[in-house]
Amino acid sequence: MSGQDFNSNEKSSGLLENFKLGLDVWLAEMKGIVSRLLGNFEVSQLEKRLEKEYALLGKITTGDVDGNAELCKKQIEFFKDEISRLEKEQAAKRDVKYRDNERKMDI
């Protein structure tokens, strides 16, 4: 009898451990998905701001206002740099995740 109880407890323990591991993996994947979505959202918002700055620059240059045109050009460069930085950051995160997954597969 006690042998059967031990096997039953061992199976329950194994089932719980598998469930916990599965839940941890699922949570990690959800965090990754949310992180990517937020990153993509941030890039799209910056791209919209960049388009608005280009439109504003077009309006300003027709009015020949030099000070505002320079400010607009600086804003445009800032948005371009920020978008580029965020895209590189997202690519680096993907590369790290890919390498981590490759290492886990080798184990």
PDB file of N, CA and C in Angstrom:
ATOM      1  N   MET A   1       0.815  -1.195   0.000  1.00  0.00           N
ATOM      2  CA  MET A   1       0.000   0.000   0.000  1.00  0.00           C
ATOM      3  C   MET A   1       0.851   1.249   0.000  1.00  0.00           C
ATOM      4  N   SER A   2       1.879   1.248   0.843  1.00  0.00           N
ATOM      5  CA  SER A   2       2.676   2.465   0.960  1.00  0.00           C
ATOM      6  C   SER A   2       3.436   2.748  -0.336  1.00  0.00           C
ATOM      7  N   GLY A   3       3.761   1.711  -1.092  1.00  0.00           N
ATOM      8  CA  GLY A   3       4.428   1.894  -2.383  1.00  0.00           C
ATOM      9  C   GLY A   3       3.525   2.617  -3.370  1.00  0.00           C
ATOM     10  N   GLN A   4       2.234   2.283  -3.340  1.00  0.00           N
ATOM     11  CA  GLN A   4       1.285   2.950  -4.232  1.00  0.00           C
ATOM     12  C   GLN A   4       1.095   4.405  -3.825  1.00  0.00           C
ATOM     13  N   ASP A   5       1.058   4.651  -2.512  1.00  0.00           N
ATOM     14  CA  ASP A   5       0.924   6.027  -2.032  1.00  0.00           C
ATOM     15  C   ASP A   5       2.123   6.862  -2.467  1.00  0.00           C
ATOM     16  N   PHE A   6       3.313   6.266  -2.408  1.00  0.00           N
ATOM     17  CA  PHE A   6       4.527   6.980  -2.800  1.00  0.00           C
ATOM     18  C   PHE A   6       4.475   7.340  -4.284  1.00  0.00           C
ATOM     19  N   ASN A   7       4.063   6.368  -5.128  1.00  0.00           N
ATOM     20  CA  ASN A   7       3.946   6.632  -6.563  1.00  0.00           C
ATOM     21  C   ASN A   7       2.908   7.702  -6.842  1.00  0.00           C
ATOM     22  N   SER A   8       1.819   7.667  -6.119  1.00  0.00           N
ATOM     23  CA  SER A   8       0.762   8.664  -6.295  1.00  0.00           C
ATOM     24  C   SER A   8       1.266  10.054  -5.927  1.00  0.00           C
ATOM     25  N   ASN A   9       1.982  10.146  -4.798  1.00  0.00           N
ATOM     26  CA  ASN A   9       2.543  11.438  -4.374  1.00  0.00           C
ATOM     27  C   ASN A   9       3.589  11.925  -5.365  1.00  0.00           C
ATOM     28  N   GLU A  10       4.380  10.996  -5.879  1.00  0.00           N
ATOM     29  CA  GLU A  10       5.420  11.359  -6.840  1.00  0.00           C
ATOM     30  C   GLU A  10       4.796  11.891  -8.128  1.00  0.00           C
ATOM     31  N   LYS A  11       3.714  11.244  -8.581  1.00  0.00           N
ATOM     32  CA  LYS A  11       3.031  11.702  -9.792  1.00  0.00           C
ATOM     33  C   LYS A  11       2.394  13.068  -9.569  1.00  0.00           C
ATOM     34  N   SER A  12       1.806  13.275  -8.402  1.00  0.00           N
ATOM     35  CA  SER A  12       1.194  14.568  -8.089  1.00  0.00           C
ATOM     36  C   SER A  12       2.248  15.656  -8.063  1.00  0.00           C
ATOM     37  N   SER A  13       3.371  15.345  -7.441  1.00  0.00           N
ATOM     38  CA  SER A  13       4.467  16.311  -7.363  1.00  0.00           C
ATOM     39  C   SER A  13       4.986  16.634  -8.761  1.00  0.00           C
ATOM     40  N   GLY A  14       5.151  15.626  -9.590  1.00  0.00           N
ATOM     41  CA  GLY A  14       5.612  15.826 -10.967  1.00  0.00           C
ATOM     42  C   GLY A  14       4.621  16.637 -11.777  1.00  0.00           C
ATOM     43  N   LEU A  15       3.349  16.383 -11.569  1.00  0.00           N
ATOM     44  CA  LEU A  15       2.307  17.117 -12.276  1.00  0.00           C
ATOM     45  C   LEU A  15       2.327  18.587 -11.881  1.00  0.00           C
ATOM     46  N   LEU A  16       2.468  18.837 -10.583  1.00  0.00           N
ATOM     47  CA  LEU A  16       2.522  20.224 -10.111  1.00  0.00           C
ATOM     48  C   LEU A  16       3.759  20.947 -10.634  1.00  0.00           C
ATOM     49  N   GLU A  17       4.883  20.255 -10.629  1.00  0.00           N
ATOM     50  CA  GLU A  17       6.118  20.867 -11.137  1.00  0.00           C
ATOM     51  C   GLU A  17       5.984  21.194 -12.622  1.00  0.00           C
ATOM     52  N   ASN A  18       5.397  20.280 -13.391  1.00  0.00           N
ATOM     53  CA  ASN A  18       5.181  20.534 -14.819  1.00  0.00           C
ATOM     54  C   ASN A  18       4.237  21.708 -15.033  1.00  0.00           C
ATOM     55  N   PHE A  19       3.204  21.772 -14.216  1.00  0.00           N
ATOM     56  CA  PHE A  19       2.254  22.882 -14.324  1.00  0.00           C
ATOM     57  C   PHE A  19       2.939  24.210 -14.015  1.00  0.00           C
ATOM     58  N   LYS A  20       3.742  24.229 -12.947  1.00  0.00           N
ATOM     59  CA  LYS A  20       4.466  25.454 -12.573  1.00  0.00           C
ATOM     60  C   LYS A  20       5.432  25.869 -13.678  1.00  0.00           C
ATOM     61  N   LEU A  21       6.140  24.904 -14.230  1.00  0.00           N
ATOM     62  CA  LEU A  21       7.081  25.193 -15.303  1.00  0.00           C
ATOM     63  C   LEU A  21       6.344  25.733 -16.530  1.00  0.00           C
ATOM     64  N   GLY A  22       5.247  25.102 -16.881  1.00  0.00           N
ATOM     65  CA  GLY A  22       4.447  25.573 -18.010  1.00  0.00           C
ATOM     66  C   GLY A  22       3.921  26.975 -17.789  1.00  0.00           C
ATOM     67  N   LEU A  23       3.483  27.250 -16.577  1.00  0.00           N
ATOM     68  CA  LEU A  23       2.985  28.585 -16.241  1.00  0.00           C
ATOM     69  C   LEU A  23       4.106  29.618 -16.329  1.00  0.00           C
ATOM     70  N   ASP A  24       5.289  29.260 -15.848  1.00  0.00           N
ATOM     71  CA  ASP A  24       6.437  30.169 -15.936  1.00  0.00           C
ATOM     72  C   ASP A  24       6.798  30.464 -17.391  1.00  0.00           C
ATOM     73  N   VAL A  25       6.795  29.440 -18.221  1.00  0.00           N
ATOM     74  CA  VAL A  25       7.100  29.627 -19.644  1.00  0.00           C
ATOM     75  C   VAL A  25       6.045  30.514 -20.290  1.00  0.00           C
ATOM     76  N   TRP A  26       4.790  30.256 -19.998  1.00  0.00           N
ATOM     77  CA  TRP A  26       3.695  31.053 -20.562  1.00  0.00           C
ATOM     78  C   TRP A  26       3.818  32.514 -20.137  1.00  0.00           C
ATOM     79  N   LEU A  27       4.098  32.758 -18.853  1.00  0.00           N
ATOM     80  CA  LEU A  27       4.256  34.132 -18.364  1.00  0.00           C
ATOM     81  C   LEU A  27       5.429  34.832 -19.046  1.00  0.00           C
ATOM     82  N   ALA A  28       6.527  34.124 -19.229  1.00  0.00           N
ATOM     83  CA  ALA A  28       7.687  34.716 -19.905  1.00  0.00           C
ATOM     84  C   ALA A  28       7.338  35.086 -21.345  1.00  0.00           C
ATOM     85  N   GLU A  29       6.600  34.214 -22.021  1.00  0.00           N
ATOM     86  CA  GLU A  29       6.186  34.507 -23.394  1.00  0.00           C
ATOM     87  C   GLU A  29       5.234  35.699 -23.443  1.00  0.00           C
ATOM     88  N   MET A  30       4.311  35.768 -22.504  1.00  0.00           N
ATOM     89  CA  MET A  30       3.372  36.897 -22.454  1.00  0.00           C
ATOM     90  C   MET A  30       4.115  38.211 -22.206  1.00  0.00           C
ATOM     91  N   LYS A  31       5.111  38.181 -21.320  1.00  0.00           N
ATOM     92  CA  LYS A  31       5.912  39.385 -21.066  1.00  0.00           C
ATOM     93  C   LYS A  31       6.628  39.815 -22.337  1.00  0.00           C
ATOM     94  N   GLY A  32       7.165  38.859 -23.069  1.00  0.00           N
ATOM     95  CA  GLY A  32       7.852  39.171 -24.326  1.00  0.00           C
ATOM     96  C   GLY A  32       6.913  39.773 -25.351  1.00  0.00           C
ATOM     97  N   ILE A  33       5.720  39.203 -25.455  1.00  0.00           N
ATOM     98  CA  ILE A  33       4.735  39.711 -26.413  1.00  0.00           C
ATOM     99  C   ILE A  33       4.321  41.127 -26.056  1.00  0.00           C
ATOM    100  N   VAL A  34       4.026  41.358 -24.785  1.00  0.00           N
ATOM    101  CA  VAL A  34       3.619  42.699 -24.343  1.00  0.00           C
ATOM    102  C   VAL A  34       4.753  43.693 -24.564  1.00  0.00           C
ATOM    103  N   SER A  35       5.968  43.283 -24.275  1.00  0.00           N
ATOM    104  CA  SER A  35       7.125  44.160 -24.473  1.00  0.00           C
ATOM    105  C   SER A  35       7.274  44.540 -25.943  1.00  0.00           C
ATOM    106  N   ARG A  36       7.127  43.563 -26.839  1.00  0.00           N
ATOM    107  CA  ARG A  36       7.226  43.848 -28.278  1.00  0.00           C
ATOM    108  C   ARG A  36       6.096  44.749 -28.737  1.00  0.00           C
ATOM    109  N   LEU A  37       4.887  44.491 -28.241  1.00  0.00           N
ATOM    110  CA  LEU A  37       3.752  45.335 -28.623  1.00  0.00           C
ATOM    111  C   LEU A  37       3.958  46.777 -28.182  1.00  0.00           C
ATOM    112  N   LEU A  38       4.420  46.957 -26.954  1.00  0.00           N
ATOM    113  CA  LEU A  38       4.666  48.312 -26.460  1.00  0.00           C
ATOM    114  C   LEU A  38       5.780  48.993 -27.246  1.00  0.00           C
ATOM    115  N   GLY A  39       6.815  48.250 -27.580  1.00  0.00           N
ATOM    116  CA  GLY A  39       7.903  48.811 -28.387  1.00  0.00           C
ATOM    117  C   GLY A  39       7.427  49.226 -29.762  1.00  0.00           C
ATOM    118  N   ASN A  40       6.625  48.367 -30.398  1.00  0.00           N
ATOM    119  CA  ASN A  40       6.081  48.696 -31.718  1.00  0.00           C
ATOM    120  C   ASN A  40       5.155  49.897 -31.645  1.00  0.00           C
ATOM    121  N   PHE A  41       4.375  49.982 -30.575  1.00  0.00           N
ATOM    122  CA  PHE A  41       3.471  51.118 -30.397  1.00  0.00           C
ATOM    123  C   PHE A  41       4.269  52.412 -30.251  1.00  0.00           C
ATOM    124  N   GLU A  42       5.337  52.352 -29.472  1.00  0.00           N
ATOM    125  CA  GLU A  42       6.173  53.537 -29.269  1.00  0.00           C
ATOM    126  C   GLU A  42       6.797  53.995 -30.587  1.00  0.00           C
ATOM    127  N   VAL A  43       7.282  53.055 -31.381  1.00  0.00           N
ATOM    128  CA  VAL A  43       7.866  53.402 -32.680  1.00  0.00           C
ATOM    129  C   VAL A  43       6.811  54.018 -33.588  1.00  0.00           C
ATOM    130  N   SER A  44       5.610  53.448 -33.609  1.00  0.00           N
ATOM    131  CA  SER A  44       4.563  53.993 -34.485  1.00  0.00           C
ATOM    132  C   SER A  44       4.166  55.401 -34.054  1.00  0.00           C
ATOM    133  N   GLN A  45       4.133  55.656 -32.744  1.00  0.00           N
ATOM    134  CA  GLN A  45       3.815  57.004 -32.263  1.00  0.00           C
ATOM    135  C   GLN A  45       4.902  57.996 -32.672  1.00  0.00           C
ATOM    136  N   LEU A  46       6.156  57.585 -32.574  1.00  0.00           N
ATOM    137  CA  LEU A  46       7.246  58.460 -32.993  1.00  0.00           C
ATOM    138  C   LEU A  46       7.204  58.721 -34.496  1.00  0.00           C
ATOM    139  N   GLU A  47       6.844  57.705 -35.270  1.00  0.00           N
ATOM    140  CA  GLU A  47       6.731  57.896 -36.718  1.00  0.00           C
ATOM    141  C   GLU A  47       5.619  58.879 -37.058  1.00  0.00           C
ATOM    142  N   LYS A  48       4.513  58.828 -36.318  1.00  0.00           N
ATOM    143  CA  LYS A  48       3.431  59.798 -36.531  1.00  0.00           C
ATOM    144  C   LYS A  48       3.903  61.209 -36.209  1.00  0.00           C
ATOM    145  N   ARG A  49       4.632  61.350 -35.097  1.00  0.00           N
ATOM    146  CA  ARG A  49       5.170  62.669 -34.741  1.00  0.00           C
ATOM    147  C   ARG A  49       6.147  63.157 -35.803  1.00  0.00           C
ATOM    148  N   LEU A  50       6.931  62.246 -36.351  1.00  0.00           N
ATOM    149  CA  LEU A  50       7.880  62.597 -37.403  1.00  0.00           C
ATOM    150  C   LEU A  50       7.149  63.125 -38.633  1.00  0.00           C
ATOM    151  N   GLU A  51       6.065  62.462 -39.009  1.00  0.00           N
ATOM    152  CA  GLU A  51       5.267  62.929 -40.151  1.00  0.00           C
ATOM    153  C   GLU A  51       4.709  64.322 -39.894  1.00  0.00           C
ATOM    154  N   LYS A  52       4.240  64.564 -38.673  1.00  0.00           N
ATOM    155  CA  LYS A  52       3.712  65.890 -38.329  1.00  0.00           C
ATOM    156  C   LYS A  52       4.809  66.945 -38.411  1.00  0.00           C
ATOM    157  N   GLU A  53       6.002  66.597 -37.962  1.00  0.00           N
ATOM    158  CA  GLU A  53       7.115  67.550 -38.029  1.00  0.00           C
ATOM    159  C   GLU A  53       7.477  67.860 -39.475  1.00  0.00           C
ATOM    160  N   TYR A  54       7.457  66.849 -40.344  1.00  0.00           N
ATOM    161  CA  TYR A  54       7.714  67.089 -41.766  1.00  0.00           C
ATOM    162  C   TYR A  54       6.654  68.028 -42.347  1.00  0.00           C
ATOM    163  N   ALA A  55       5.400  67.790 -41.982  1.00  0.00           N
ATOM    164  CA  ALA A  55       4.320  68.657 -42.473  1.00  0.00           C
ATOM    165  C   ALA A  55       4.512  70.080 -41.965  1.00  0.00           C
ATOM    166  N   LEU A  56       4.854  70.221 -40.702  1.00  0.00           N
ATOM    167  CA  LEU A  56       5.091  71.545 -40.127  1.00  0.00           C
ATOM    168  C   LEU A  56       6.282  72.220 -40.791  1.00  0.00           C
ATOM    169  N   LEU A  57       7.322  71.463 -41.061  1.00  0.00           N
ATOM    170  CA  LEU A  57       8.492  72.018 -41.737  1.00  0.00           C
ATOM    171  C   LEU A  57       8.114  72.527 -43.126  1.00  0.00           C
ATOM    172  N   GLY A  58       7.272  71.777 -43.812  1.00  0.00           N
ATOM    173  CA  GLY A  58       6.813  72.221 -45.129  1.00  0.00           C
ATOM    174  C   GLY A  58       6.056  73.532 -45.047  1.00  0.00           C
ATOM    175  N   LYS A  59       5.193  73.657 -44.048  1.00  0.00           N
ATOM    176  CA  LYS A  59       4.434  74.901 -43.877  1.00  0.00           C
ATOM    177  C   LYS A  59       5.355  76.061 -43.512  1.00  0.00           C
ATOM    178  N   ILE A  60       6.326  75.790 -42.645  1.00  0.00           N
ATOM    179  CA  ILE A  60       7.230  76.844 -42.188  1.00  0.00           C
ATOM    180  C   ILE A  60       8.120  77.332 -43.328  1.00  0.00           C
ATOM    181  N   THR A  61       8.622  76.409 -44.140  1.00  0.00           N
ATOM    182  CA  THR A  61       9.528  76.815 -45.217  1.00  0.00           C
ATOM    183  C   THR A  61       8.821  77.656 -46.263  1.00  0.00           C
ATOM    184  N   THR A  62       7.531  77.470 -46.429  1.00  0.00           N
ATOM    185  CA  THR A  62       6.806  78.334 -47.374  1.00  0.00           C
ATOM    186  C   THR A  62       6.662  79.738 -46.817  1.00  0.00           C
ATOM    187  N   GLY A  63       6.698  79.879 -45.492  1.00  0.00           N
ATOM    188  CA  GLY A  63       6.587  81.192 -44.853  1.00  0.00           C
ATOM    189  C   GLY A  63       7.944  81.824 -44.584  1.00  0.00           C
ATOM    190  N   ASP A  64       9.041  81.110 -44.897  1.00  0.00           N
ATOM    191  CA  ASP A  64      10.404  81.620 -44.707  1.00  0.00           C
ATOM    192  C   ASP A  64      10.690  82.068 -43.275  1.00  0.00           C
ATOM    193  N   VAL A  65      10.327  81.267 -42.309  1.00  0.00           N
ATOM    194  CA  VAL A  65      10.644  81.563 -40.916  1.00  0.00           C
ATOM    195  C   VAL A  65      11.816  80.662 -40.536  1.00  0.00           C
ATOM    196  N   ASP A  66      13.017  81.248 -40.466  1.00  0.00           N
ATOM    197  CA  ASP A  66      14.241  80.457 -40.275  1.00  0.00           C
ATOM    198  C   ASP A  66      14.340  79.801 -38.905  1.00  0.00           C
ATOM    199  N   GLY A  67      14.024  80.505 -37.849  1.00  0.00           N
ATOM    200  CA  GLY A  67      14.158  79.961 -36.501  1.00  0.00           C
ATOM    201  C   GLY A  67      13.306  78.728 -36.288  1.00  0.00           C
ATOM    202  N   ASN A  68      12.073  78.787 -36.715  1.00  0.00           N
ATOM    203  CA  ASN A  68      11.174  77.642 -36.552  1.00  0.00           C
ATOM    204  C   ASN A  68      11.582  76.483 -37.450  1.00  0.00           C
ATOM    205  N   ALA A  69      12.105  76.785 -38.621  1.00  0.00           N
ATOM    206  CA  ALA A  69      12.541  75.727 -39.530  1.00  0.00           C
ATOM    207  C   ALA A  69      13.700  74.949 -38.912  1.00  0.00           C
ATOM    208  N   GLU A  70      14.624  75.655 -38.284  1.00  0.00           N
ATOM    209  CA  GLU A  70      15.751  74.981 -37.632  1.00  0.00           C
ATOM    210  C   GLU A  70      15.272  74.084 -36.495  1.00  0.00           C
ATOM    211  N   LEU A  71      14.334  74.591 -35.713  1.00  0.00           N
ATOM    212  CA  LEU A  71      13.778  73.792 -34.621  1.00  0.00           C
ATOM    213  C   LEU A  71      13.108  72.536 -35.171  1.00  0.00           C
ATOM    214  N   CYS A  72      12.359  72.702 -36.243  1.00  0.00           N
ATOM    215  CA  CYS A  72      11.684  71.552 -36.868  1.00  0.00           C
ATOM    216  C   CYS A  72      12.700  70.535 -37.369  1.00  0.00           C
ATOM    217  N   LYS A  73      13.767  71.014 -37.987  1.00  0.00           N
ATOM    218  CA  LYS A  73      14.794  70.104 -38.500  1.00  0.00           C
ATOM    219  C   LYS A  73      15.449  69.332 -37.356  1.00  0.00           C
ATOM    220  N   LYS A  74      15.675  70.019 -36.238  1.00  0.00           N
ATOM    221  CA  LYS A  74      16.254  69.343 -35.073  1.00  0.00           C
ATOM    222  C   LYS A  74      15.293  68.291 -34.524  1.00  0.00           C
ATOM    223  N   GLN A  75      14.005  68.628 -34.486  1.00  0.00           N
ATOM    224  CA  GLN A  75      12.997  67.664 -34.021  1.00  0.00           C
ATOM    225  C   GLN A  75      12.963  66.450 -34.949  1.00  0.00           C
ATOM    226  N   ILE A  76      13.026  66.696 -36.239  1.00  0.00           N
ATOM    227  CA  ILE A  76      13.000  65.600 -37.217  1.00  0.00           C
ATOM    228  C   ILE A  76      14.201  64.684 -37.004  1.00  0.00           C
ATOM    229  N   GLU A  77      15.375  65.257 -36.844  1.00  0.00           N
ATOM    230  CA  GLU A  77      16.573  64.450 -36.600  1.00  0.00           C
ATOM    231  C   GLU A  77      16.448  63.664 -35.297  1.00  0.00           C
ATOM    232  N   PHE A  78      15.892  64.314 -34.278  1.00  0.00           N
ATOM    233  CA  PHE A  78      15.699  63.630 -33.000  1.00  0.00           C
ATOM    234  C   PHE A  78      14.782  62.422 -33.167  1.00  0.00           C
ATOM    235  N   PHE A  79      13.651  62.612 -33.848  1.00  0.00           N
ATOM    236  CA  PHE A  79      12.709  61.509 -34.026  1.00  0.00           C
ATOM    237  C   PHE A  79      13.323  60.391 -34.859  1.00  0.00           C
ATOM    238  N   LYS A  80      14.072  60.739 -35.892  1.00  0.00           N
ATOM    239  CA  LYS A  80      14.735  59.710 -36.702  1.00  0.00           C
ATOM    240  C   LYS A  80      15.711  58.902 -35.848  1.00  0.00           C
ATOM    241  N   ASP A  81      16.518  59.611 -35.061  1.00  0.00           N
ATOM    242  CA  ASP A  81      17.487  58.926 -34.200  1.00  0.00           C
ATOM    243  C   ASP A  81      16.791  58.048 -33.167  1.00  0.00           C
ATOM    244  N   GLU A  82      15.726  58.558 -32.582  1.00  0.00           N
ATOM    245  CA  GLU A  82      15.002  57.811 -31.549  1.00  0.00           C
ATOM    246  C   GLU A  82      14.352  56.556 -32.143  1.00  0.00           C
ATOM    247  N   ILE A  83      13.755  56.685 -33.319  1.00  0.00           N
ATOM    248  CA  ILE A  83      13.142  55.528 -33.982  1.00  0.00           C
ATOM    249  C   ILE A  83      14.211  54.491 -34.295  1.00  0.00           C
ATOM    250  N   SER A  84      15.334  54.946 -34.821  1.00  0.00           N
ATOM    251  CA  SER A  84      16.433  54.032 -35.142  1.00  0.00           C
ATOM    252  C   SER A  84      16.938  53.323 -33.890  1.00  0.00           C
ATOM    253  N   ARG A  85      17.098  54.074 -32.798  1.00  0.00           N
ATOM    254  CA  ARG A  85      17.576  53.492 -31.546  1.00  0.00           C
ATOM    255  C   ARG A  85      16.604  52.438 -31.025  1.00  0.00           C
ATOM    256  N   LEU A  86      15.301  52.752 -31.064  1.00  0.00           N
ATOM    257  CA  LEU A  86      14.300  51.806 -30.567  1.00  0.00           C
ATOM    258  C   LEU A  86      14.252  50.544 -31.423  1.00  0.00           C
ATOM    259  N   GLU A  87      14.370  50.704 -32.739  1.00  0.00           N
ATOM    260  CA  GLU A  87      14.350  49.530 -33.611  1.00  0.00           C
ATOM    261  C   GLU A  87      15.573  48.649 -33.371  1.00  0.00           C
ATOM    262  N   LYS A  88      16.737  49.279 -33.159  1.00  0.00           N
ATOM    263  CA  LYS A  88      17.947  48.499 -32.854  1.00  0.00           C
ATOM    264  C   LYS A  88      17.803  47.784 -31.515  1.00  0.00           C
ATOM    265  N   GLU A  89      17.210  48.474 -30.545  1.00  0.00           N
ATOM    266  CA  GLU A  89      17.002  47.880 -29.222  1.00  0.00           C
ATOM    267  C   GLU A  89      16.088  46.661 -29.316  1.00  0.00           C
ATOM    268  N   GLN A  90      15.016  46.779 -30.107  1.00  0.00           N
ATOM    269  CA  GLN A  90      14.101  45.651 -30.275  1.00  0.00           C
ATOM    270  C   GLN A  90      14.795  44.492 -30.983  1.00  0.00           C
ATOM    271  N   ALA A  91      15.614  44.801 -31.990  1.00  0.00           N
ATOM    272  CA  ALA A  91      16.341  43.749 -32.700  1.00  0.00           C
ATOM    273  C   ALA A  91      17.322  43.049 -31.760  1.00  0.00           C
ATOM    274  N   ALA A  92      17.978  43.813 -30.902  1.00  0.00           N
ATOM    275  CA  ALA A  92      18.917  43.217 -29.943  1.00  0.00           C
ATOM    276  C   ALA A  92      18.183  42.300 -28.973  1.00  0.00           C
ATOM    277  N   LYS A  93      16.996  42.717 -28.519  1.00  0.00           N
ATOM    278  CA  LYS A  93      16.209  41.870 -27.619  1.00  0.00           C
ATOM    279  C   LYS A  93      15.819  40.570 -28.309  1.00  0.00           C
ATOM    280  N   ARG A  94      15.437  40.665 -29.594  1.00  0.00           N
ATOM    281  CA  ARG A  94      15.082  39.456 -30.342  1.00  0.00           C
ATOM    282  C   ARG A  94      16.287  38.530 -30.459  1.00  0.00           C
ATOM    283  N   ASP A  95      17.464  39.112 -30.737  1.00  0.00           N
ATOM    284  CA  ASP A  95      18.671  38.300 -30.869  1.00  0.00           C
ATOM    285  C   ASP A  95      19.012  37.597 -29.564  1.00  0.00           C
ATOM    286  N   VAL A  96      18.901  38.311 -28.455  1.00  0.00           N
ATOM    287  CA  VAL A  96      19.191  37.712 -27.148  1.00  0.00           C
ATOM    288  C   VAL A  96      18.209  36.589 -26.865  1.00  0.00           C
ATOM    289  N   LYS A  97      16.930  36.816 -27.136  1.00  0.00           N
ATOM    290  CA  LYS A  97      15.918  35.785 -26.901  1.00  0.00           C
ATOM    291  C   LYS A  97      16.193  34.569 -27.784  1.00  0.00           C
ATOM    292  N   TYR A  98      16.579  34.801 -29.038  1.00  0.00           N
ATOM    293  CA  TYR A  98      16.881  33.703 -29.950  1.00  0.00           C
ATOM    294  C   TYR A  98      18.077  32.896 -29.439  1.00  0.00           C
ATOM    295  N   ARG A  99      19.129  33.603 -28.995  1.00  0.00           N
ATOM    296  CA  ARG A  99      20.309  32.905 -28.460  1.00  0.00           C
ATOM    297  C   ARG A  99      19.960  32.113 -27.210  1.00  0.00           C
ATOM    298  N   ASP A 100      19.149  32.707 -26.338  1.00  0.00           N
ATOM    299  CA  ASP A 100      18.745  31.998 -25.121  1.00  0.00           C
ATOM    300  C   ASP A 100      17.957  30.744 -25.465  1.00  0.00           C
ATOM    301  N   ASN A 101      17.064  30.853 -26.438  1.00  0.00           N
ATOM    302  CA  ASN A 101      16.283  29.686 -26.853  1.00  0.00           C
ATOM    303  C   ASN A 101      17.181  28.620 -27.462  1.00  0.00           C
ATOM    304  N   GLU A 102      18.186  29.033 -28.230  1.00  0.00           N
ATOM    305  CA  GLU A 102      19.123  28.076 -28.820  1.00  0.00           C
ATOM    306  C   GLU A 102      19.901  27.342 -27.725  1.00  0.00           C
ATOM    307  N   ARG A 103      20.314  28.075 -26.706  1.00  0.00           N
ATOM    308  CA  ARG A 103      21.052  27.450 -25.604  1.00  0.00           C
ATOM    309  C   ARG A 103      20.184  26.449 -24.865  1.00  0.00           C
ATOM    310  N   LYS A 104      18.919  26.804 -24.660  1.00  0.00           N
ATOM    311  CA  LYS A 104      18.005  25.895 -23.959  1.00  0.00           C
ATOM    312  C   LYS A 104      17.788  24.623 -24.768  1.00  0.00           C
ATOM    313  N   MET A 105      17.771  24.755 -26.092  1.00  0.00           N
ATOM    314  CA  MET A 105      17.567  23.590 -26.944  1.00  0.00           C
ATOM    315  C   MET A 105      18.784  22.666 -26.910  1.00  0.00           C
ATOM    316  N   ASP A 106      19.970  23.228 -26.687  1.00  0.00           N
ATOM    317  CA  ASP A 106      21.192  22.423 -26.638  1.00  0.00           C
ATOM    318  C   ASP A 106      21.317  21.626 -25.350  1.00  0.00           C
ATOM    319  N   ILE A 107      20.597  22.028 -24.321  1.00  0.00           N
ATOM    320  CA  ILE A 107      20.718  21.364 -23.009  1.00  0.00           C
ATOM    321  C   ILE A 107      20.152  19.995 -23.021  1.00  0.00           C
TER     322      ILE A 107
END
